[in-house]
Amino acid sequence: MKAITIPTPGDADSLVLDEVPTPEIAADEVLVQVAAAGVNRADLMQRQGFYPPPPGSSTYPGLEVSGTISALGRDVTGWAVGDQVCALLTGGGYAEQVAVPAAQLLPAPKGISLVDAAALPEVACTVWSNVFMTANLQPGQTILVHGGSSGIGTMAIQLARTVGARVAVTAGTAYKLEACRVLGADILINYREQDFVEVLADATQGHGADVILDNIGAKYLSRNVTALATNGRLVIIGLQGGVRAELDISVLLRKSAAVIATTLRSRPPAEKAAIVAAVREHVWPLIEAGTVKPVVHRTFPLAQAADAHRELEASTHIGKILLTT
């Protein structure tokens, strides 16, 4: 089969379309003929040599796919050859075929094209596990989503709105903020021109954010904590703004607040299975009802993976970028 390999870490041109062996499936896995794969910032980090795949996982990039089941492991039940699915992966999605643990499969949602379904697993699992399972966002609370126009951001806005939360977002252009408003964001903050702490305080009459979903990390740590409400929860899921920062713990103490950092890729299989099951129960009905939708910016053929990476790095996109086989 064809797959994107990374012989030498580096810029986008280090991605190589190559002929590789078809993956062998374990007893609890299925083989998926890939229709499309999501492109994520974790893939950029892996390409650059900063985010190696966990031991035992595929060395090819790609953390989510959609496609059709072409073979079943001997212990797999509840799925059949020919089923259209999407899946959360530990790696290997940039390929024509991928081996997937059956517990990380989701049925392709009704009403969504099979290609667009590839835009869902990573963002749905990331948002549901962090915003709801970890941070316990409740109706009437305020959530601040940094990078509101990203794939994760567009999903977070929609899911937060379904529970009756008030949504604040940051983005770098008026165009991106307008896209967030259309999806349901209430408080729009241009981080290039405004201080999100001040805008949020004004918009919430000093209350702040009950939950902050942050992909920046160190650069925003102090201001995020300042922006938290009493009993607020800051969930850090990315490091685009660096890895080291000082934190005034007394501010956390005064607010009885929490700082939580999570990653999805390296979680144990049982945890991933539980997240996927929760997403299927809580998120999939919303998608099939049309209440929540994947936001797809652009698709590229697998052979143009380097162009897809350059598009993501340019940060002009809204929603997801996909590769098609």
Protein backbone atom coordinates (compact mmCIF):
# COMPACT_ATOMS: atom_id res chain seq x y z
CA MET A 1 0.00 0.00 0.00
CA LYS A 2 0.98 3.66 -0.20
CA ALA A 3 1.66 5.67 2.95
CA ILE A 4 3.34 8.91 3.96
CA THR A 5 6.65 8.26 5.66
CA ILE A 6 9.12 10.59 7.37
CA PRO A 7 12.62 9.31 6.51
CA THR A 8 14.24 12.39 8.07
CA PRO A 9 12.38 14.86 10.32
CA GLY A 10 12.17 18.39 8.98
CA ASP A 11 9.96 20.75 6.99
CA ALA A 12 6.88 19.78 4.99
CA ASP A 13 8.99 18.41 2.14
CA SER A 14 10.30 15.69 4.47
CA LEU A 15 6.96 13.88 3.98
CA VAL A 16 7.44 11.11 1.41
CA LEU A 17 4.76 9.03 -0.34
CA ASP A 18 6.16 5.50 -0.28
CA GLU A 19 5.24 1.87 -0.88
CA VAL A 20 5.04 0.07 2.48
CA PRO A 21 3.72 -3.27 3.72
CA THR A 22 0.00 -3.59 4.43
CA PRO A 23 -0.48 -3.59 8.22
CA GLU A 24 -1.21 -6.85 9.99
CA ILE A 25 -4.13 -6.76 12.38
CA ALA A 26 -4.19 -8.13 15.91
CA ALA A 27 -7.09 -10.20 17.25
CA ASP A 28 -8.86 -7.11 18.60
CA GLU A 29 -8.28 -4.91 15.55
CA VAL A 30 -9.86 -4.26 12.18
CA LEU A 31 -8.26 -3.25 8.89
CA VAL A 32 -9.74 -0.05 7.46
CA GLN A 33 -9.49 0.95 3.82
CA VAL A 34 -8.92 4.65 4.30
CA ALA A 35 -11.12 7.21 2.55
CA ALA A 36 -9.66 10.26 4.30
CA ALA A 37 -7.38 11.22 7.17
CA GLY A 38 -7.44 14.30 9.38
CA VAL A 39 -4.40 16.58 9.51
CA ASN A 40 -3.55 17.74 13.03
CA ARG A 41 -0.87 19.88 14.65
CA ALA A 42 0.44 16.75 16.34
CA ASP A 43 1.33 15.52 12.85
CA LEU A 44 3.38 18.66 12.25
CA MET A 45 5.25 18.06 15.50
CA GLN A 46 5.90 14.43 14.58
CA ARG A 47 7.19 15.47 11.16
CA GLN A 48 9.58 17.91 12.86
CA GLY A 49 10.87 15.20 15.19
CA PHE A 50 9.29 16.63 18.37
CA TYR A 51 6.45 14.16 18.92
CA PRO A 52 7.50 10.57 18.31
CA PRO A 53 4.75 7.94 18.19
CA PRO A 54 4.26 5.85 21.33
CA PRO A 55 6.16 2.53 21.40
CA GLY A 56 4.52 -0.16 19.31
CA SER A 57 2.35 2.19 17.26
CA SER A 58 2.61 2.99 13.56
CA THR A 59 5.46 5.30 12.58
CA TYR A 60 3.34 6.97 9.89
CA PRO A 61 1.57 10.20 10.89
CA GLY A 62 -2.19 10.48 11.16
CA LEU A 63 -4.38 10.33 14.27
CA GLU A 64 -7.84 9.91 12.69
CA VAL A 65 -9.36 8.41 9.57
CA SER A 66 -12.59 7.48 7.90
CA GLY A 67 -13.09 4.52 5.61
CA THR A 68 -14.49 1.04 5.16
CA ILE A 69 -13.68 -2.08 7.17
CA SER A 70 -11.92 -4.61 4.94
CA ALA A 71 -10.90 -7.28 7.48
CA LEU A 72 -11.70 -8.26 11.07
CA GLY A 73 -9.47 -9.65 13.80
CA ARG A 74 -10.64 -12.99 15.18
CA ASP A 75 -11.91 -11.51 18.47
CA VAL A 76 -13.79 -8.56 16.98
CA THR A 77 -17.56 -8.51 17.39
CA GLY A 78 -20.17 -5.90 16.56
CA TRP A 79 -18.55 -4.86 13.29
CA ALA A 80 -18.62 -6.34 9.79
CA VAL A 81 -16.56 -6.13 6.62
CA GLY A 82 -18.03 -3.31 4.55
CA ASP A 83 -19.06 -1.14 7.51
CA GLN A 84 -18.32 2.55 6.98
CA VAL A 85 -16.48 3.90 9.99
CA CYS A 86 -14.22 6.59 11.36
CA ALA A 87 -11.58 5.99 13.98
CA LEU A 88 -9.27 7.48 16.57
CA LEU A 89 -5.68 6.34 16.03
CA THR A 90 -2.33 6.38 17.76
CA GLY A 91 -0.75 6.82 14.32
CA GLY A 92 -0.78 5.47 10.79
CA GLY A 93 -3.64 7.43 9.27
CA TYR A 94 -1.69 8.89 6.34
CA ALA A 95 -2.01 5.63 4.41
CA GLU A 96 -4.31 3.65 2.17
CA GLN A 97 -4.97 1.13 4.94
CA VAL A 98 -4.64 1.22 8.71
CA ALA A 99 -5.04 -1.24 11.58
CA VAL A 100 -7.44 0.08 14.24
CA PRO A 101 -8.38 -1.31 17.67
CA ALA A 102 -12.08 -2.13 17.40
CA ALA A 103 -12.75 -0.18 20.60
CA GLN A 104 -11.58 3.02 18.85
CA LEU A 105 -14.04 2.71 15.97
CA LEU A 106 -17.09 4.88 15.47
CA PRO A 107 -19.77 4.36 12.82
CA ALA A 108 -19.64 6.98 10.08
CA PRO A 109 -22.46 9.33 11.13
CA LYS A 110 -25.63 9.33 9.06
CA GLY A 111 -25.93 12.47 6.97
CA ILE A 112 -22.16 13.09 6.84
CA SER A 113 -20.07 12.12 3.81
CA LEU A 114 -17.49 9.42 4.43
CA VAL A 115 -14.66 11.85 3.63
CA ASP A 116 -15.96 14.52 6.00
CA ALA A 117 -16.33 11.91 8.76
CA ALA A 118 -12.51 11.91 9.00
CA ALA A 119 -12.77 15.42 10.49
CA LEU A 120 -14.58 14.13 13.58
CA PRO A 121 -12.77 11.53 15.74
CA GLU A 122 -9.82 13.53 17.07
CA VAL A 123 -11.72 16.76 17.71
CA ALA A 124 -14.82 15.07 19.15
CA CYS A 125 -12.77 12.88 21.47
CA THR A 126 -10.50 15.76 22.51
CA VAL A 127 -13.33 18.16 23.25
CA TRP A 128 -15.65 15.68 24.95
CA SER A 129 -12.94 14.18 27.15
CA ASN A 130 -11.48 17.53 28.22
CA VAL A 131 -14.41 19.93 28.35
CA PHE A 132 -17.05 17.53 29.67
CA MET A 133 -15.44 14.43 31.19
CA THR A 134 -12.54 16.32 32.82
CA ALA A 135 -13.65 19.95 33.26
CA ASN A 136 -17.36 19.13 33.74
CA LEU A 137 -18.74 22.14 31.86
CA GLN A 138 -22.28 22.83 33.04
CA PRO A 139 -25.28 24.72 31.62
CA GLY A 140 -25.01 28.45 32.27
CA GLN A 141 -21.25 28.37 32.76
CA THR A 142 -18.77 30.28 30.59
CA ILE A 143 -16.06 28.53 28.56
CA LEU A 144 -13.13 30.30 26.90
CA VAL A 145 -11.78 28.46 23.85
CA HIS A 146 -8.41 29.61 22.55
CA GLY A 147 -8.08 29.12 18.81
CA GLY A 148 -11.83 29.11 18.29
CA SER A 149 -11.60 28.69 14.52
CA SER A 150 -9.42 25.58 14.68
CA GLY A 151 -10.77 22.07 14.29
CA ILE A 152 -10.93 21.61 18.04
CA GLY A 153 -12.27 25.12 18.52
CA THR A 154 -15.13 24.74 16.05
CA MET A 155 -16.17 21.50 17.74
CA ALA A 156 -15.85 22.99 21.24
CA ILE A 157 -18.07 25.94 20.33
CA GLN A 158 -20.81 23.70 19.00
CA LEU A 159 -20.76 21.16 21.84
CA ALA A 160 -20.64 23.84 24.54
CA ARG A 161 -23.68 25.52 23.00
CA THR A 162 -25.64 22.27 23.07
CA VAL A 163 -25.41 22.16 26.89
CA GLY A 164 -26.38 25.81 27.30
CA ALA A 165 -22.94 27.20 28.10
CA ARG A 166 -21.79 30.69 27.14
CA VAL A 167 -18.85 30.54 24.73
CA ALA A 168 -15.94 32.98 24.48
CA VAL A 169 -13.26 32.50 21.82
CA THR A 170 -9.96 33.98 20.76
CA ALA A 171 -8.86 34.19 17.13
CA GLY A 172 -6.49 36.36 15.14
CA THR A 173 -8.72 37.85 12.42
CA ALA A 174 -12.19 39.30 12.05
CA TYR A 175 -12.92 36.61 9.45
CA LYS A 176 -12.15 33.82 11.88
CA LEU A 177 -14.13 35.47 14.66
CA GLU A 178 -17.14 35.78 12.37
CA ALA A 179 -16.93 32.06 11.62
CA CYS A 180 -16.92 31.42 15.38
CA ARG A 181 -19.94 33.68 15.84
CA VAL A 182 -21.87 31.76 13.17
CA LEU A 183 -21.12 28.52 15.03
CA GLY A 184 -22.49 29.98 18.26
CA ALA A 185 -19.72 31.85 20.06
CA ASP A 186 -20.99 34.73 22.21
CA ILE A 187 -17.82 36.62 23.16
CA LEU A 188 -15.39 37.28 20.29
CA ILE A 189 -11.82 38.31 21.16
CA ASN A 190 -9.17 39.27 18.61
CA TYR A 191 -6.01 38.25 20.46
CA ARG A 192 -3.87 40.45 18.18
CA GLU A 193 -5.71 43.59 19.23
CA GLN A 194 -7.33 42.82 22.60
CA ASP A 195 -6.40 41.42 26.00
CA PHE A 196 -8.58 38.37 26.47
CA VAL A 197 -8.46 38.74 30.27
CA GLU A 198 -9.91 42.25 30.11
CA VAL A 199 -12.52 41.47 27.46
CA LEU A 200 -13.68 38.37 29.29
CA ALA A 201 -13.93 40.20 32.62
CA ASP A 202 -16.00 42.96 31.02
CA ALA A 203 -18.29 40.53 29.22
CA THR A 204 -18.92 38.43 32.34
CA GLN A 205 -19.19 41.29 34.85
CA GLY A 206 -15.97 40.13 36.49
CA HIS A 207 -16.96 36.48 36.79
CA GLY A 208 -14.41 35.08 34.34
CA ALA A 209 -14.32 31.68 32.67
CA ASP A 210 -15.51 28.56 34.46
CA VAL A 211 -13.59 26.46 31.92
CA ILE A 212 -10.70 27.41 29.64
CA LEU A 213 -9.63 25.08 26.82
CA ASP A 214 -6.07 26.11 25.96
CA ASN A 215 -3.80 25.01 23.12
CA ILE A 216 -1.11 27.63 23.77
CA GLY A 217 0.53 26.52 27.01
CA ALA A 218 3.28 28.54 28.67
CA LYS A 219 2.66 31.89 26.94
CA TYR A 220 -0.90 32.09 28.25
CA LEU A 221 -0.55 30.28 31.59
CA SER A 222 -0.51 33.29 33.92
CA ARG A 223 -3.24 35.18 32.06
CA ASN A 224 -5.38 32.07 31.81
CA VAL A 225 -5.28 31.62 35.57
CA THR A 226 -6.16 35.31 36.04
CA ALA A 227 -9.12 34.83 33.68
CA LEU A 228 -10.52 31.86 35.61
CA ALA A 229 -13.64 32.18 37.71
CA THR A 230 -13.81 30.90 41.27
CA ASN A 231 -13.68 27.08 41.06
CA GLY A 232 -12.57 27.46 37.44
CA ARG A 233 -10.80 24.72 35.48
CA LEU A 234 -7.98 25.41 33.01
CA VAL A 235 -7.36 22.47 30.68
CA ILE A 236 -4.13 22.67 28.67
CA ILE A 237 -4.08 20.49 25.54
CA GLY A 238 -1.32 22.12 23.47
CA LEU A 239 2.03 23.83 23.65
CA GLN A 240 2.03 26.24 20.72
CA GLY A 241 3.20 29.00 23.07
CA GLY A 242 6.00 27.13 24.79
CA VAL A 243 6.51 24.66 27.62
CA ARG A 244 7.86 26.62 30.59
CA ALA A 245 6.19 29.39 32.61
CA GLU A 246 5.91 30.63 36.19
CA LEU A 247 2.63 30.26 38.04
CA ASP A 248 1.48 32.25 41.07
CA ILE A 249 -0.09 29.46 43.09
CA SER A 250 -1.69 31.94 45.46
CA VAL A 251 -4.02 33.01 42.65
CA LEU A 252 -5.12 29.40 42.23
CA LEU A 253 -5.66 29.09 45.96
CA ARG A 254 -7.77 32.23 46.16
CA LYS A 255 -9.96 30.97 43.35
CA SER A 256 -10.00 27.29 44.41
CA ALA A 257 -9.14 26.74 40.75
CA ALA A 258 -7.45 23.86 38.92
CA VAL A 259 -4.88 23.57 36.14
CA ILE A 260 -5.09 20.29 34.23
CA ALA A 261 -2.89 19.13 31.34
CA THR A 262 -3.89 16.24 29.14
CA THR A 263 -2.91 14.44 25.96
CA LEU A 264 -5.02 11.98 24.00
CA ARG A 265 -2.51 10.07 21.89
CA SER A 266 -0.58 8.41 24.71
CA ARG A 267 -3.53 7.46 26.90
CA PRO A 268 -3.90 3.75 27.66
CA PRO A 269 -6.18 1.79 25.31
CA ALA A 270 -8.85 1.37 27.98
CA GLU A 271 -9.08 5.14 28.48
CA LYS A 272 -9.32 5.76 24.76
CA ALA A 273 -12.04 3.12 24.48
CA ALA A 274 -14.01 4.83 27.26
CA ILE A 275 -13.71 8.21 25.56
CA VAL A 276 -14.77 6.80 22.18
CA ALA A 277 -17.77 5.10 23.81
CA ALA A 278 -18.77 8.37 25.50
CA VAL A 279 -18.46 10.27 22.22
CA ARG A 280 -20.63 7.69 20.47
CA GLU A 281 -23.25 8.02 23.20
CA HIS A 282 -23.29 11.80 23.64
CA VAL A 283 -21.88 13.42 20.50
CA TRP A 284 -22.93 11.14 17.64
CA PRO A 285 -26.68 11.76 18.13
CA LEU A 286 -26.03 15.51 17.90
CA ILE A 287 -24.09 15.07 14.66
CA GLU A 288 -26.72 12.81 13.12
CA ALA A 289 -29.42 15.32 14.10
CA GLY A 290 -27.47 18.10 12.36
CA THR A 291 -27.01 20.05 15.60
CA VAL A 292 -23.22 19.61 15.45
CA LYS A 293 -21.36 19.50 12.14
CA PRO A 294 -17.78 18.87 11.02
CA VAL A 295 -16.16 22.02 9.68
CA VAL A 296 -13.88 21.12 6.76
CA HIS A 297 -11.66 23.83 5.32
CA ARG A 298 -10.03 21.92 2.46
CA THR A 299 -9.05 18.45 1.26
CA PHE A 300 -5.79 17.39 -0.40
CA PRO A 301 -4.83 14.09 -2.09
CA LEU A 302 -2.56 11.92 0.05
CA ALA A 303 0.31 12.59 -2.35
CA GLN A 304 0.03 16.30 -1.49
CA ALA A 305 0.45 15.82 2.26
CA ALA A 306 3.25 18.40 2.25
CA ASP A 307 0.86 21.02 0.86
CA ALA A 308 -1.70 20.11 3.53
CA HIS A 309 0.94 20.63 6.22
CA ARG A 310 1.90 24.00 4.76
CA GLU A 311 -1.76 25.01 4.75
CA LEU A 312 -2.11 24.09 8.42
CA GLU A 313 1.11 25.88 9.34
CA ALA A 314 -0.11 29.05 7.61
CA SER A 315 -3.02 29.13 10.11
CA THR A 316 -5.43 30.70 7.64
CA HIS A 317 -7.83 27.76 7.79
CA ILE A 318 -11.13 27.43 9.62
CA GLY A 319 -11.91 23.93 10.87
CA LYS A 320 -10.19 20.82 9.57
CA ILE A 321 -7.84 19.95 6.72
CA LEU A 322 -8.14 16.43 5.29
CA LEU A 323 -6.14 14.06 3.11
CA THR A 324 -8.00 11.78 0.71
CA THR A 325 -6.75 8.48 -0.68
